[in-house]
Amino acid sequence: MKKAEAKQFKERLLLLRARLRGDVNAMADAALRKTRSEANGDLSSMPIHMADIGSDNYEQEFTLSLMQSEEGTLESIEAAIEKVEDGTYGICEECGGNIPKARLNAIPYTPVCIKCAQQLEGS
């Protein structure tokens, strides 16, 4: 891959990383909110309905699982940025072949080509 192309991908990866970090921070703030009353500014600590407690717990668990997924994506982005810097970006980790630019445009942090991704998903 040419240096100019690698630089463009690095810029995209850096922007994606910054956006995801902001999303993760916002989700962390939402997940760590203690209660619905604190979030809404209610004066009463009693929920309107017992189901509200379950809804709050579900939302918190859902947000935490999204954060975990986003953290995995951030790790993949960091690895891709390192590959750009060491000149191995765009090379499949499984077969050593070139990852097509169309795939890198769609998923700039992918570590494998389409063929290897299909094999990994099938196993």
PDB file of N, CA and C in Angstrom:
ATOM      1  N   MET A   1       0.852  -1.174   0.000  1.00  0.00           N
ATOM      2  CA  MET A   1       0.000   0.000   0.000  1.00  0.00           C
ATOM      3  C   MET A   1       0.897   1.236   0.000  1.00  0.00           C
ATOM      4  N   LYS A   2       0.492   2.208  -0.787  1.00  0.00           N
ATOM      5  CA  LYS A   2       1.263   3.454  -0.885  1.00  0.00           C
ATOM      6  C   LYS A   2       1.127   4.255   0.397  1.00  0.00           C
ATOM      7  N   LYS A   3       2.154   5.059   0.680  1.00  0.00           N
ATOM      8  CA  LYS A   3       2.151   5.854   1.911  1.00  0.00           C
ATOM      9  C   LYS A   3       0.975   6.823   1.960  1.00  0.00           C
ATOM     10  N   ALA A   4       0.629   7.410   0.828  1.00  0.00           N
ATOM     11  CA  ALA A   4      -0.491   8.367   0.796  1.00  0.00           C
ATOM     12  C   ALA A   4      -1.808   7.658   1.141  1.00  0.00           C
ATOM     13  N   GLU A   5      -2.000   6.465   0.615  1.00  0.00           N
ATOM     14  CA  GLU A   5      -3.214   5.711   0.930  1.00  0.00           C
ATOM     15  C   GLU A   5      -3.242   5.330   2.402  1.00  0.00           C
ATOM     16  N   ALA A   6      -2.106   4.864   2.903  1.00  0.00           N
ATOM     17  CA  ALA A   6      -2.019   4.479   4.317  1.00  0.00           C
ATOM     18  C   ALA A   6      -2.310   5.674   5.215  1.00  0.00           C
ATOM     19  N   LYS A   7      -1.833   6.845   4.808  1.00  0.00           N
ATOM     20  CA  LYS A   7      -2.079   8.057   5.604  1.00  0.00           C
ATOM     21  C   LYS A   7      -3.575   8.382   5.655  1.00  0.00           C
ATOM     22  N   GLN A   8      -4.268   8.202   4.526  1.00  0.00           N
ATOM     23  CA  GLN A   8      -5.710   8.460   4.490  1.00  0.00           C
ATOM     24  C   GLN A   8      -6.450   7.496   5.420  1.00  0.00           C
ATOM     25  N   PHE A   9      -6.045   6.228   5.378  1.00  0.00           N
ATOM     26  CA  PHE A   9      -6.685   5.247   6.265  1.00  0.00           C
ATOM     27  C   PHE A   9      -6.388   5.564   7.723  1.00  0.00           C
ATOM     28  N   LYS A  10      -5.176   6.011   8.012  1.00  0.00           N
ATOM     29  CA  LYS A  10      -4.820   6.354   9.392  1.00  0.00           C
ATOM     30  C   LYS A  10      -5.689   7.507   9.887  1.00  0.00           C
ATOM     31  N   GLU A  11      -5.904   8.511   9.038  1.00  0.00           N
ATOM     32  CA  GLU A  11      -6.756   9.642   9.423  1.00  0.00           C
ATOM     33  C   GLU A  11      -8.181   9.175   9.712  1.00  0.00           C
ATOM     34  N   ARG A  12      -8.706   8.277   8.879  1.00  0.00           N
ATOM     35  CA  ARG A  12     -10.051   7.735   9.116  1.00  0.00           C
ATOM     36  C   ARG A  12     -10.096   6.967  10.427  1.00  0.00           C
ATOM     37  N   LEU A  13      -9.054   6.173  10.682  1.00  0.00           N
ATOM     38  CA  LEU A  13      -9.001   5.392  11.920  1.00  0.00           C
ATOM     39  C   LEU A  13      -8.935   6.307  13.139  1.00  0.00           C
ATOM     40  N   LEU A  14      -8.159   7.375  13.047  1.00  0.00           N
ATOM     41  CA  LEU A  14      -8.049   8.311  14.176  1.00  0.00           C
ATOM     42  C   LEU A  14      -9.389   9.001  14.453  1.00  0.00           C
ATOM     43  N   LEU A  15     -10.109   9.386  13.388  1.00  0.00           N
ATOM     44  CA  LEU A  15     -11.423  10.009  13.565  1.00  0.00           C
ATOM     45  C   LEU A  15     -12.417   9.022  14.167  1.00  0.00           C
ATOM     46  N   LEU A  16     -12.391   7.784  13.680  1.00  0.00           N
ATOM     47  CA  LEU A  16     -13.282   6.754  14.206  1.00  0.00           C
ATOM     48  C   LEU A  16     -12.978   6.486  15.675  1.00  0.00           C
ATOM     49  N   ARG A  17     -11.698   6.428  16.017  1.00  0.00           N
ATOM     50  CA  ARG A  17     -11.304   6.197  17.410  1.00  0.00           C
ATOM     51  C   ARG A  17     -11.803   7.322  18.307  1.00  0.00           C
ATOM     52  N   ALA A  18     -11.644   8.557  17.872  1.00  0.00           N
ATOM     53  CA  ALA A  18     -12.095   9.707  18.672  1.00  0.00           C
ATOM     54  C   ALA A  18     -13.607   9.671  18.875  1.00  0.00           C
ATOM     55  N   ARG A  19     -14.337   9.327  17.810  1.00  0.00           N
ATOM     56  CA  ARG A  19     -15.795   9.271  17.922  1.00  0.00           C
ATOM     57  C   ARG A  19     -16.225   8.167  18.883  1.00  0.00           C
ATOM     58  N   LEU A  20     -15.617   6.993  18.762  1.00  0.00           N
ATOM     59  CA  LEU A  20     -15.987   5.878  19.639  1.00  0.00           C
ATOM     60  C   LEU A  20     -15.622   6.160  21.088  1.00  0.00           C
ATOM     61  N   ARG A  21     -14.500   6.798  21.308  1.00  0.00           N
ATOM     62  CA  ARG A  21     -14.131   7.143  22.688  1.00  0.00           C
ATOM     63  C   ARG A  21     -15.172   8.063  23.298  1.00  0.00           C
ATOM     64  N   GLY A  22     -15.657   9.017  22.518  1.00  0.00           N
ATOM     65  CA  GLY A  22     -16.711   9.905  23.007  1.00  0.00           C
ATOM     66  C   GLY A  22     -17.985   9.142  23.300  1.00  0.00           C
ATOM     67  N   ASP A  23     -18.334   8.188  22.415  1.00  0.00           N
ATOM     68  CA  ASP A  23     -19.532   7.371  22.628  1.00  0.00           C
ATOM     69  C   ASP A  23     -19.396   6.528  23.886  1.00  0.00           C
ATOM     70  N   VAL A  24     -18.232   5.927  24.081  1.00  0.00           N
ATOM     71  CA  VAL A  24     -18.014   5.079  25.255  1.00  0.00           C
ATOM     72  C   VAL A  24     -18.094   5.908  26.528  1.00  0.00           C
ATOM     73  N   ASN A  25     -17.512   7.099  26.503  1.00  0.00           N
ATOM     74  CA  ASN A  25     -17.578   7.966  27.685  1.00  0.00           C
ATOM     75  C   ASN A  25     -19.020   8.364  27.996  1.00  0.00           C
ATOM     76  N   ALA A  26     -19.788   8.672  26.960  1.00  0.00           N
ATOM     77  CA  ALA A  26     -21.189   9.044  27.173  1.00  0.00           C
ATOM     78  C   ALA A  26     -21.982   7.852  27.719  1.00  0.00           C
ATOM     79  N   MET A  27     -21.696   6.649  27.178  1.00  0.00           N
ATOM     80  CA  MET A  27     -22.395   5.458  27.675  1.00  0.00           C
ATOM     81  C   MET A  27     -22.004   5.166  29.121  1.00  0.00           C
ATOM     82  N   ALA A  28     -20.742   5.382  29.448  1.00  0.00           N
ATOM     83  CA  ALA A  28     -20.303   5.135  30.824  1.00  0.00           C
ATOM     84  C   ALA A  28     -21.030   6.070  31.775  1.00  0.00           C
ATOM     85  N   ASP A  29     -21.159   7.320  31.385  1.00  0.00           N
ATOM     86  CA  ASP A  29     -21.892   8.271  32.222  1.00  0.00           C
ATOM     87  C   ASP A  29     -23.340   7.823  32.407  1.00  0.00           C
ATOM     88  N   ALA A  30     -23.969   7.363  31.335  1.00  0.00           N
ATOM     89  CA  ALA A  30     -25.371   6.918  31.413  1.00  0.00           C
ATOM     90  C   ALA A  30     -25.494   5.659  32.261  1.00  0.00           C
ATOM     91  N   ALA A  31     -24.578   4.724  32.096  1.00  0.00           N
ATOM     92  CA  ALA A  31     -24.660   3.455  32.822  1.00  0.00           C
ATOM     93  C   ALA A  31     -24.380   3.620  34.303  1.00  0.00           C
ATOM     94  N   LEU A  32     -23.564   4.571  34.638  1.00  0.00           N
ATOM     95  CA  LEU A  32     -23.169   4.738  36.031  1.00  0.00           C
ATOM     96  C   LEU A  32     -24.087   5.682  36.795  1.00  0.00           C
ATOM     97  N   ARG A  33     -25.074   6.234  36.097  1.00  0.00           N
ATOM     98  CA  ARG A  33     -26.076   7.028  36.806  1.00  0.00           C
ATOM     99  C   ARG A  33     -26.720   6.135  37.840  1.00  0.00           C
ATOM    100  N   LYS A  34     -26.888   6.634  39.035  1.00  0.00           N
ATOM    101  CA  LYS A  34     -27.325   5.761  40.122  1.00  0.00           C
ATOM    102  C   LYS A  34     -28.799   5.393  40.046  1.00  0.00           C
ATOM    103  N   THR A  35     -29.656   6.346  39.812  1.00  0.00           N
ATOM    104  CA  THR A  35     -31.089   6.030  39.825  1.00  0.00           C
ATOM    105  C   THR A  35     -31.825   6.897  38.824  1.00  0.00           C
ATOM    106  N   ARG A  36     -33.038   6.478  38.542  1.00  0.00           N
ATOM    107  CA  ARG A  36     -33.906   7.253  37.658  1.00  0.00           C
ATOM    108  C   ARG A  36     -34.185   8.634  38.268  1.00  0.00           C
ATOM    109  N   SER A  37     -34.351   8.686  39.580  1.00  0.00           N
ATOM    110  CA  SER A  37     -34.663   9.968  40.208  1.00  0.00           C
ATOM    111  C   SER A  37     -33.516  10.954  40.052  1.00  0.00           C
ATOM    112  N   GLU A  38     -32.272  10.463  40.148  1.00  0.00           N
ATOM    113  CA  GLU A  38     -31.133  11.357  39.946  1.00  0.00           C
ATOM    114  C   GLU A  38     -31.066  11.829  38.502  1.00  0.00           C
ATOM    115  N   ALA A  39     -31.403  10.942  37.570  1.00  0.00           N
ATOM    116  CA  ALA A  39     -31.357  11.299  36.152  1.00  0.00           C
ATOM    117  C   ALA A  39     -32.425  12.325  35.804  1.00  0.00           C
ATOM    118  N   ASN A  40     -33.611  12.168  36.392  1.00  0.00           N
ATOM    119  CA  ASN A  40     -34.725  13.048  36.064  1.00  0.00           C
ATOM    120  C   ASN A  40     -34.890  14.218  37.025  1.00  0.00           C
ATOM    121  N   GLY A  41     -34.166  14.217  38.098  1.00  0.00           N
ATOM    122  CA  GLY A  41     -34.288  15.280  39.071  1.00  0.00           C
ATOM    123  C   GLY A  41     -35.503  15.147  39.958  1.00  0.00           C
ATOM    124  N   ASP A  42     -36.076  13.934  40.061  1.00  0.00           N
ATOM    125  CA  ASP A  42     -37.239  13.715  40.920  1.00  0.00           C
ATOM    126  C   ASP A  42     -36.841  13.885  42.382  1.00  0.00           C
ATOM    127  N   LEU A  43     -37.760  14.376  43.171  1.00  0.00           N
ATOM    128  CA  LEU A  43     -37.498  14.557  44.590  1.00  0.00           C
ATOM    129  C   LEU A  43     -37.765  13.281  45.373  1.00  0.00           C
ATOM    130  N   SER A  44     -38.685  12.457  44.899  1.00  0.00           N
ATOM    131  CA  SER A  44     -39.036  11.226  45.582  1.00  0.00           C
ATOM    132  C   SER A  44     -38.112  10.109  45.149  1.00  0.00           C
ATOM    133  N   SER A  45     -37.731   9.270  46.105  1.00  0.00           N
ATOM    134  CA  SER A  45     -36.872   8.144  45.758  1.00  0.00           C
ATOM    135  C   SER A  45     -37.674   6.893  45.441  1.00  0.00           C
ATOM    136  N   MET A  46     -38.982   6.974  45.536  1.00  0.00           N
ATOM    137  CA  MET A  46     -39.837   5.823  45.257  1.00  0.00           C
ATOM    138  C   MET A  46     -40.166   5.784  43.766  1.00  0.00           C
ATOM    139  N   PRO A  47     -39.955   4.640  43.127  1.00  0.00           N
ATOM    140  CA  PRO A  47     -40.339   4.536  41.721  1.00  0.00           C
ATOM    141  C   PRO A  47     -41.853   4.546  41.598  1.00  0.00           C
ATOM    142  N   ILE A  48     -42.327   4.975  40.450  1.00  0.00           N
ATOM    143  CA  ILE A  48     -43.759   4.994  40.216  1.00  0.00           C
ATOM    144  C   ILE A  48     -44.295   3.565  40.184  1.00  0.00           C
ATOM    145  N   HIS A  49     -43.523   2.660  39.659  1.00  0.00           N
ATOM    146  CA  HIS A  49     -43.957   1.280  39.505  1.00  0.00           C
ATOM    147  C   HIS A  49     -42.744   0.371  39.702  1.00  0.00           C
ATOM    148  N   MET A  50     -42.965  -0.815  40.242  1.00  0.00           N
ATOM    149  CA  MET A  50     -41.855  -1.738  40.475  1.00  0.00           C
ATOM    150  C   MET A  50     -41.139  -2.105  39.180  1.00  0.00           C
ATOM    151  N   ALA A  51     -41.847  -2.068  38.061  1.00  0.00           N
ATOM    152  CA  ALA A  51     -41.236  -2.395  36.773  1.00  0.00           C
ATOM    153  C   ALA A  51     -40.163  -1.378  36.390  1.00  0.00           C
ATOM    154  N   ASP A  52     -40.275  -0.155  36.948  1.00  0.00           N
ATOM    155  CA  ASP A  52     -39.267   0.863  36.663  1.00  0.00           C
ATOM    156  C   ASP A  52     -37.884   0.406  37.120  1.00  0.00           C
ATOM    157  N   ILE A  53     -37.832  -0.273  38.231  1.00  0.00           N
ATOM    158  CA  ILE A  53     -36.551  -0.767  38.746  1.00  0.00           C
ATOM    159  C   ILE A  53     -35.965  -1.772  37.758  1.00  0.00           C
ATOM    160  N   GLY A  54     -36.791  -2.695  37.277  1.00  0.00           N
ATOM    161  CA  GLY A  54     -36.334  -3.674  36.295  1.00  0.00           C
ATOM    162  C   GLY A  54     -35.897  -3.018  35.001  1.00  0.00           C
ATOM    163  N   SER A  55     -36.626  -2.004  34.566  1.00  0.00           N
ATOM    164  CA  SER A  55     -36.263  -1.285  33.344  1.00  0.00           C
ATOM    165  C   SER A  55     -34.922  -0.589  33.506  1.00  0.00           C
ATOM    166  N   ASP A  56     -34.725   0.035  34.656  1.00  0.00           N
ATOM    167  CA  ASP A  56     -33.452   0.708  34.928  1.00  0.00           C
ATOM    168  C   ASP A  56     -32.295  -0.285  34.885  1.00  0.00           C
ATOM    169  N   ASN A  57     -32.490  -1.451  35.521  1.00  0.00           N
ATOM    170  CA  ASN A  57     -31.437  -2.466  35.534  1.00  0.00           C
ATOM    171  C   ASN A  57     -31.153  -2.986  34.130  1.00  0.00           C
ATOM    172  N   TYR A  58     -32.207  -3.221  33.351  1.00  0.00           N
ATOM    173  CA  TYR A  58     -32.035  -3.703  31.983  1.00  0.00           C
ATOM    174  C   TYR A  58     -31.259  -2.684  31.157  1.00  0.00           C
ATOM    175  N   GLU A  59     -31.645  -1.423  31.235  1.00  0.00           N
ATOM    176  CA  GLU A  59     -30.971  -0.371  30.475  1.00  0.00           C
ATOM    177  C   GLU A  59     -29.500  -0.280  30.861  1.00  0.00           C
ATOM    178  N   GLN A  60     -29.217  -0.402  32.148  1.00  0.00           N
ATOM    179  CA  GLN A  60     -27.839  -0.328  32.609  1.00  0.00           C
ATOM    180  C   GLN A  60     -27.026  -1.513  32.073  1.00  0.00           C
ATOM    181  N   GLU A  61     -27.576  -2.719  32.142  1.00  0.00           N
ATOM    182  CA  GLU A  61     -26.870  -3.895  31.629  1.00  0.00           C
ATOM    183  C   GLU A  61     -26.677  -3.812  30.120  1.00  0.00           C
ATOM    184  N   PHE A  62     -27.687  -3.332  29.405  1.00  0.00           N
ATOM    185  CA  PHE A  62     -27.600  -3.188  27.960  1.00  0.00           C
ATOM    186  C   PHE A  62     -26.503  -2.187  27.589  1.00  0.00           C
ATOM    187  N   THR A  63     -26.468  -1.072  28.278  1.00  0.00           N
ATOM    188  CA  THR A  63     -25.457  -0.062  28.020  1.00  0.00           C
ATOM    189  C   THR A  63     -24.057  -0.597  28.308  1.00  0.00           C
ATOM    190  N   LEU A  64     -23.917  -1.348  29.389  1.00  0.00           N
ATOM    191  CA  LEU A  64     -22.613  -1.935  29.713  1.00  0.00           C
ATOM    192  C   LEU A  64     -22.168  -2.931  28.650  1.00  0.00           C
ATOM    193  N   SER A  65     -23.105  -3.703  28.091  1.00  0.00           N
ATOM    194  CA  SER A  65     -22.722  -4.650  27.037  1.00  0.00           C
ATOM    195  C   SER A  65     -22.326  -3.914  25.758  1.00  0.00           C
ATOM    196  N   LEU A  66     -23.009  -2.811  25.455  1.00  0.00           N
ATOM    197  CA  LEU A  66     -22.610  -1.991  24.311  1.00  0.00           C
ATOM    198  C   LEU A  66     -21.216  -1.410  24.512  1.00  0.00           C
ATOM    199  N   MET A  67     -20.940  -0.981  25.727  1.00  0.00           N
ATOM    200  CA  MET A  67     -19.611  -0.436  26.028  1.00  0.00           C
ATOM    201  C   MET A  67     -18.539  -1.493  25.808  1.00  0.00           C
ATOM    202  N   GLN A  68     -18.820  -2.709  26.218  1.00  0.00           N
ATOM    203  CA  GLN A  68     -17.859  -3.791  26.058  1.00  0.00           C
ATOM    204  C   GLN A  68     -17.584  -4.035  24.564  1.00  0.00           C
ATOM    205  N   SER A  69     -18.621  -4.002  23.761  1.00  0.00           N
ATOM    206  CA  SER A  69     -18.471  -4.177  22.319  1.00  0.00           C
ATOM    207  C   SER A  69     -17.652  -3.041  21.718  1.00  0.00           C
ATOM    208  N   GLU A  70     -17.943  -1.816  22.134  1.00  0.00           N
ATOM    209  CA  GLU A  70     -17.216  -0.651  21.632  1.00  0.00           C
ATOM    210  C   GLU A  70     -15.748  -0.703  22.036  1.00  0.00           C
ATOM    211  N   GLU A  71     -15.469  -1.210  23.232  1.00  0.00           N
ATOM    212  CA  GLU A  71     -14.080  -1.329  23.677  1.00  0.00           C
ATOM    213  C   GLU A  71     -13.315  -2.300  22.780  1.00  0.00           C
ATOM    214  N   GLY A  72     -13.976  -3.390  22.376  1.00  0.00           N
ATOM    215  CA  GLY A  72     -13.344  -4.338  21.456  1.00  0.00           C
ATOM    216  C   GLY A  72     -13.035  -3.690  20.120  1.00  0.00           C
ATOM    217  N   THR A  73     -13.956  -2.874  19.628  1.00  0.00           N
ATOM    218  CA  THR A  73     -13.732  -2.161  18.373  1.00  0.00           C
ATOM    219  C   THR A  73     -12.589  -1.173  18.525  1.00  0.00           C
ATOM    220  N   LEU A  74     -12.526  -0.480  19.660  1.00  0.00           N
ATOM    221  CA  LEU A  74     -11.418   0.451  19.899  1.00  0.00           C
ATOM    222  C   LEU A  74     -10.072  -0.273  19.889  1.00  0.00           C
ATOM    223  N   GLU A  75     -10.016  -1.467  20.462  1.00  0.00           N
ATOM    224  CA  GLU A  75      -8.775  -2.241  20.452  1.00  0.00           C
ATOM    225  C   GLU A  75      -8.379  -2.604  19.024  1.00  0.00           C
ATOM    226  N   SER A  76      -9.358  -2.964  18.200  1.00  0.00           N
ATOM    227  CA  SER A  76      -9.079  -3.280  16.797  1.00  0.00           C
ATOM    228  C   SER A  76      -8.572  -2.053  16.048  1.00  0.00           C
ATOM    229  N   ILE A  77      -9.138  -0.897  16.353  1.00  0.00           N
ATOM    230  CA  ILE A  77      -8.707   0.352  15.717  1.00  0.00           C
ATOM    231  C   ILE A  77      -7.276   0.670  16.118  1.00  0.00           C
ATOM    232  N   GLU A  78      -6.964   0.515  17.408  1.00  0.00           N
ATOM    233  CA  GLU A  78      -5.592   0.767  17.878  1.00  0.00           C
ATOM    234  C   GLU A  78      -4.598  -0.144  17.156  1.00  0.00           C
ATOM    235  N   ALA A  79      -4.958  -1.421  16.997  1.00  0.00           N
ATOM    236  CA  ALA A  79      -4.083  -2.372  16.304  1.00  0.00           C
ATOM    237  C   ALA A  79      -3.886  -1.956  14.849  1.00  0.00           C
ATOM    238  N   ALA A  80      -4.951  -1.484  14.202  1.00  0.00           N
ATOM    239  CA  ALA A  80      -4.860  -1.051  12.808  1.00  0.00           C
ATOM    240  C   ALA A  80      -3.961   0.183  12.678  1.00  0.00           C
ATOM    241  N   ILE A  81      -4.064   1.108  13.629  1.00  0.00           N
ATOM    242  CA  ILE A  81      -3.209   2.304  13.601  1.00  0.00           C
ATOM    243  C   ILE A  81      -1.740   1.895  13.738  1.00  0.00           C
ATOM    244  N   GLU A  82      -1.467   0.941  14.618  1.00  0.00           N
ATOM    245  CA  GLU A  82      -0.094   0.449  14.772  1.00  0.00           C
ATOM    246  C   GLU A  82       0.405  -0.186  13.476  1.00  0.00           C
ATOM    247  N   LYS A  83      -0.476  -0.904  12.783  1.00  0.00           N
ATOM    248  CA  LYS A  83      -0.089  -1.530  11.514  1.00  0.00           C
ATOM    249  C   LYS A  83       0.236  -0.489  10.453  1.00  0.00           C
ATOM    250  N   VAL A  84      -0.518   0.613  10.437  1.00  0.00           N
ATOM    251  CA  VAL A  84      -0.216   1.689   9.491  1.00  0.00           C
ATOM    252  C   VAL A  84       1.186   2.215   9.780  1.00  0.00           C
ATOM    253  N   GLU A  85       1.469   2.411  11.055  1.00  0.00           N
ATOM    254  CA  GLU A  85       2.767   2.966  11.436  1.00  0.00           C
ATOM    255  C   GLU A  85       3.931   2.032  11.140  1.00  0.00           C
ATOM    256  N   ASP A  86       3.711   0.703  11.257  1.00  0.00           N
ATOM    257  CA  ASP A  86       4.827  -0.215  10.988  1.00  0.00           C
ATOM    258  C   ASP A  86       4.819  -0.777   9.568  1.00  0.00           C
ATOM    259  N   GLY A  87       3.881  -0.294   8.727  1.00  0.00           N
ATOM    260  CA  GLY A  87       3.881  -0.666   7.317  1.00  0.00           C
ATOM    261  C   GLY A  87       3.218  -1.991   6.987  1.00  0.00           C
ATOM    262  N   THR A  88       2.470  -2.562   7.912  1.00  0.00           N
ATOM    263  CA  THR A  88       1.808  -3.843   7.642  1.00  0.00           C
ATOM    264  C   THR A  88       0.299  -3.706   7.490  1.00  0.00           C
ATOM    265  N   TYR A  89      -0.195  -2.480   7.414  1.00  0.00           N
ATOM    266  CA  TYR A  89      -1.635  -2.255   7.266  1.00  0.00           C
ATOM    267  C   TYR A  89      -2.104  -2.784   5.916  1.00  0.00           C
ATOM    268  N   GLY A  90      -3.241  -3.463   5.904  1.00  0.00           N
ATOM    269  CA  GLY A  90      -3.804  -3.978   4.665  1.00  0.00           C
ATOM    270  C   GLY A  90      -3.343  -5.382   4.332  1.00  0.00           C
ATOM    271  N   ILE A  91      -2.591  -6.002   5.241  1.00  0.00           N
ATOM    272  CA  ILE A  91      -2.135  -7.373   5.049  1.00  0.00           C
ATOM    273  C   ILE A  91      -2.917  -8.273   6.000  1.00  0.00           C
ATOM    274  N   CYS A  92      -3.525  -9.318   5.441  1.00  0.00           N
ATOM    275  CA  CYS A  92      -4.351 -10.238   6.214  1.00  0.00           C
ATOM    276  C   CYS A  92      -3.509 -10.972   7.250  1.00  0.00           C
ATOM    277  N   GLU A  93      -3.994 -11.009   8.474  1.00  0.00           N
ATOM    278  CA  GLU A  93      -3.284 -11.696   9.558  1.00  0.00           C
ATOM    279  C   GLU A  93      -3.335 -13.214   9.412  1.00  0.00           C
ATOM    280  N   GLU A  94      -4.311 -13.719   8.672  1.00  0.00           N
ATOM    281  CA  GLU A  94      -4.465 -15.169   8.537  1.00  0.00           C
ATOM    282  C   GLU A  94      -3.642 -15.726   7.379  1.00  0.00           C
ATOM    283  N   CYS A  95      -3.847 -15.176   6.168  1.00  0.00           N
ATOM    284  CA  CYS A  95      -3.208 -15.760   4.986  1.00  0.00           C
ATOM    285  C   CYS A  95      -2.004 -14.963   4.495  1.00  0.00           C
ATOM    286  N   GLY A  96      -1.835 -13.729   4.980  1.00  0.00           N
ATOM    287  CA  GLY A  96      -0.705 -12.900   4.554  1.00  0.00           C
ATOM    288  C   GLY A  96      -0.931 -12.184   3.235  1.00  0.00           C
ATOM    289  N   GLY A  97      -2.104 -12.369   2.637  1.00  0.00           N
ATOM    290  CA  GLY A  97      -2.423 -11.676   1.390  1.00  0.00           C
ATOM    291  C   GLY A  97      -2.891 -10.253   1.640  1.00  0.00           C
ATOM    292  N   ASN A  98      -3.083  -9.524   0.561  1.00  0.00           N
ATOM    293  CA  ASN A  98      -3.564  -8.142   0.675  1.00  0.00           C
ATOM    294  C   ASN A  98      -5.065  -8.128   0.918  1.00  0.00           C
ATOM    295  N   ILE A  99      -5.486  -7.269   1.823  1.00  0.00           N
ATOM    296  CA  ILE A  99      -6.914  -7.055   2.061  1.00  0.00           C
ATOM    297  C   ILE A  99      -7.379  -6.047   1.005  1.00  0.00           C
ATOM    298  N   PRO A 100      -8.424  -6.376   0.239  1.00  0.00           N
ATOM    299  CA  PRO A 100      -8.894  -5.442  -0.796  1.00  0.00           C
ATOM    300  C   PRO A 100      -9.270  -4.076  -0.208  1.00  0.00           C
ATOM    301  N   LYS A 101      -8.985  -3.031  -0.967  1.00  0.00           N
ATOM    302  CA  LYS A 101      -9.283  -1.673  -0.507  1.00  0.00           C
ATOM    303  C   LYS A 101     -10.779  -1.466  -0.252  1.00  0.00           C
ATOM    304  N   ALA A 102     -11.620  -2.154  -1.014  1.00  0.00           N
ATOM    305  CA  ALA A 102     -13.071  -2.040  -0.793  1.00  0.00           C
ATOM    306  C   ALA A 102     -13.418  -2.513   0.614  1.00  0.00           C
ATOM    307  N   ARG A 103     -12.779  -3.585   1.064  1.00  0.00           N
ATOM    308  CA  ARG A 103     -13.029  -4.086   2.428  1.00  0.00           C
ATOM    309  C   ARG A 103     -12.492  -3.102   3.459  1.00  0.00           C
ATOM    310  N   LEU A 104     -11.314  -2.559   3.201  1.00  0.00           N
ATOM    311  CA  LEU A 104     -10.734  -1.587   4.139  1.00  0.00           C
ATOM    312  C   LEU A 104     -11.566  -0.307   4.193  1.00  0.00           C
ATOM    313  N   ASN A 105     -12.173   0.053   3.073  1.00  0.00           N
ATOM    314  CA  ASN A 105     -13.061   1.229   3.082  1.00  0.00           C
ATOM    315  C   ASN A 105     -14.303   0.962   3.920  1.00  0.00           C
ATOM    316  N   ALA A 106     -14.805  -0.274   3.850  1.00  0.00           N
ATOM    317  CA  ALA A 106     -16.001  -0.625   4.619  1.00  0.00           C
ATOM    318  C   ALA A 106     -15.683  -0.809   6.098  1.00  0.00           C
ATOM    319  N   ILE A 107     -14.589  -1.521   6.395  1.00  0.00           N
ATOM    320  CA  ILE A 107     -14.191  -1.794   7.778  1.00  0.00           C
ATOM    321  C   ILE A 107     -12.693  -1.505   7.882  1.00  0.00           C
ATOM    322  N   PRO A 108     -12.319  -0.249   8.124  1.00  0.00           N
ATOM    323  CA  PRO A 108     -10.900   0.119   8.087  1.00  0.00           C
ATOM    324  C   PRO A 108     -10.032  -0.557   9.146  1.00  0.00           C
ATOM    325  N   TYR A 109     -10.634  -1.151  10.157  1.00  0.00           N
ATOM    326  CA  TYR A 109      -9.862  -1.780  11.226  1.00  0.00           C
ATOM    327  C   TYR A 109      -9.857  -3.302  11.115  1.00  0.00           C
ATOM    328  N   THR A 110     -10.316  -3.844   9.992  1.00  0.00           N
ATOM    329  CA  THR A 110     -10.370  -5.294   9.844  1.00  0.00           C
ATOM    330  C   THR A 110      -8.959  -5.888   9.754  1.00  0.00           C
ATOM    331  N   PRO A 111      -8.718  -6.990  10.448  1.00  0.00           N
ATOM    332  CA  PRO A 111      -7.392  -7.611  10.390  1.00  0.00           C
ATOM    333  C   PRO A 111      -7.288  -8.721   9.340  1.00  0.00           C
ATOM    334  N   VAL A 112      -8.422  -9.076   8.691  1.00  0.00           N
ATOM    335  CA  VAL A 112      -8.415 -10.203   7.762  1.00  0.00           C
ATOM    336  C   VAL A 112      -9.161  -9.878   6.472  1.00  0.00           C
ATOM    337  N   CYS A 113      -8.810 -10.616   5.418  1.00  0.00           N
ATOM    338  CA  CYS A 113      -9.503 -10.474   4.137  1.00  0.00           C
ATOM    339  C   CYS A 113     -10.872 -11.155   4.224  1.00  0.00           C
ATOM    340  N   ILE A 114     -11.680 -10.967   3.212  1.00  0.00           N
ATOM    341  CA  ILE A 114     -13.043 -11.515   3.213  1.00  0.00           C
ATOM    342  C   ILE A 114     -13.019 -13.039   3.282  1.00  0.00           C
ATOM    343  N   LYS A 115     -12.144 -13.661   2.484  1.00  0.00           N
ATOM    344  CA  LYS A 115     -12.086 -15.120   2.446  1.00  0.00           C
ATOM    345  C   LYS A 115     -11.757 -15.681   3.833  1.00  0.00           C
ATOM    346  N   CYS A 116     -10.772 -15.107   4.494  1.00  0.00           N
ATOM    347  CA  CYS A 116     -10.401 -15.591   5.834  1.00  0.00           C
ATOM    348  C   CYS A 116     -11.487 -15.278   6.848  1.00  0.00           C
ATOM    349  N   ALA A 117     -12.151 -14.131   6.708  1.00  0.00           N
ATOM    350  CA  ALA A 117     -13.245 -13.787   7.625  1.00  0.00           C
ATOM    351  C   ALA A 117     -14.367 -14.805   7.509  1.00  0.00           C
ATOM    352  N   GLN A 118     -14.684 -15.214   6.276  1.00  0.00           N
ATOM    353  CA  GLN A 118     -15.736 -16.219   6.083  1.00  0.00           C
ATOM    354  C   GLN A 118     -15.331 -17.554   6.697  1.00  0.00           C
ATOM    355  N   GLN A 119     -14.067 -17.911   6.559  1.00  0.00           N
ATOM    356  CA  GLN A 119     -13.595 -19.167   7.140  1.00  0.00           C
ATOM    357  C   GLN A 119     -13.640 -19.103   8.667  1.00  0.00           C
ATOM    358  N   LEU A 120     -13.262 -17.968   9.230  1.00  0.00           N
ATOM    359  CA  LEU A 120     -13.279 -17.818  10.690  1.00  0.00           C
ATOM    360  C   LEU A 120     -14.697 -17.866  11.239  1.00  0.00           C
ATOM    361  N   GLU A 121     -15.642 -17.270  10.517  1.00  0.00           N
ATOM    362  CA  GLU A 121     -17.036 -17.269  10.957  1.00  0.00           C
ATOM    363  C   GLU A 121     -17.652 -18.659  10.839  1.00  0.00           C
ATOM    364  N   GLY A 122     -17.214 -19.418   9.836  1.00  0.00           N
ATOM    365  CA  GLY A 122     -17.756 -20.756   9.625  1.00  0.00           C
ATOM    366  C   GLY A 122     -17.261 -21.768  10.619  1.00  0.00           C
ATOM    367  N   SER A 123     -16.130 -21.495  11.257  1.00  0.00           N
ATOM    368  CA  SER A 123     -15.576 -22.480  12.189  1.00  0.00           C
ATOM    369  C   SER A 123     -16.022 -22.275  13.602  1.00  0.00           C
TER     370      SER A 123
END
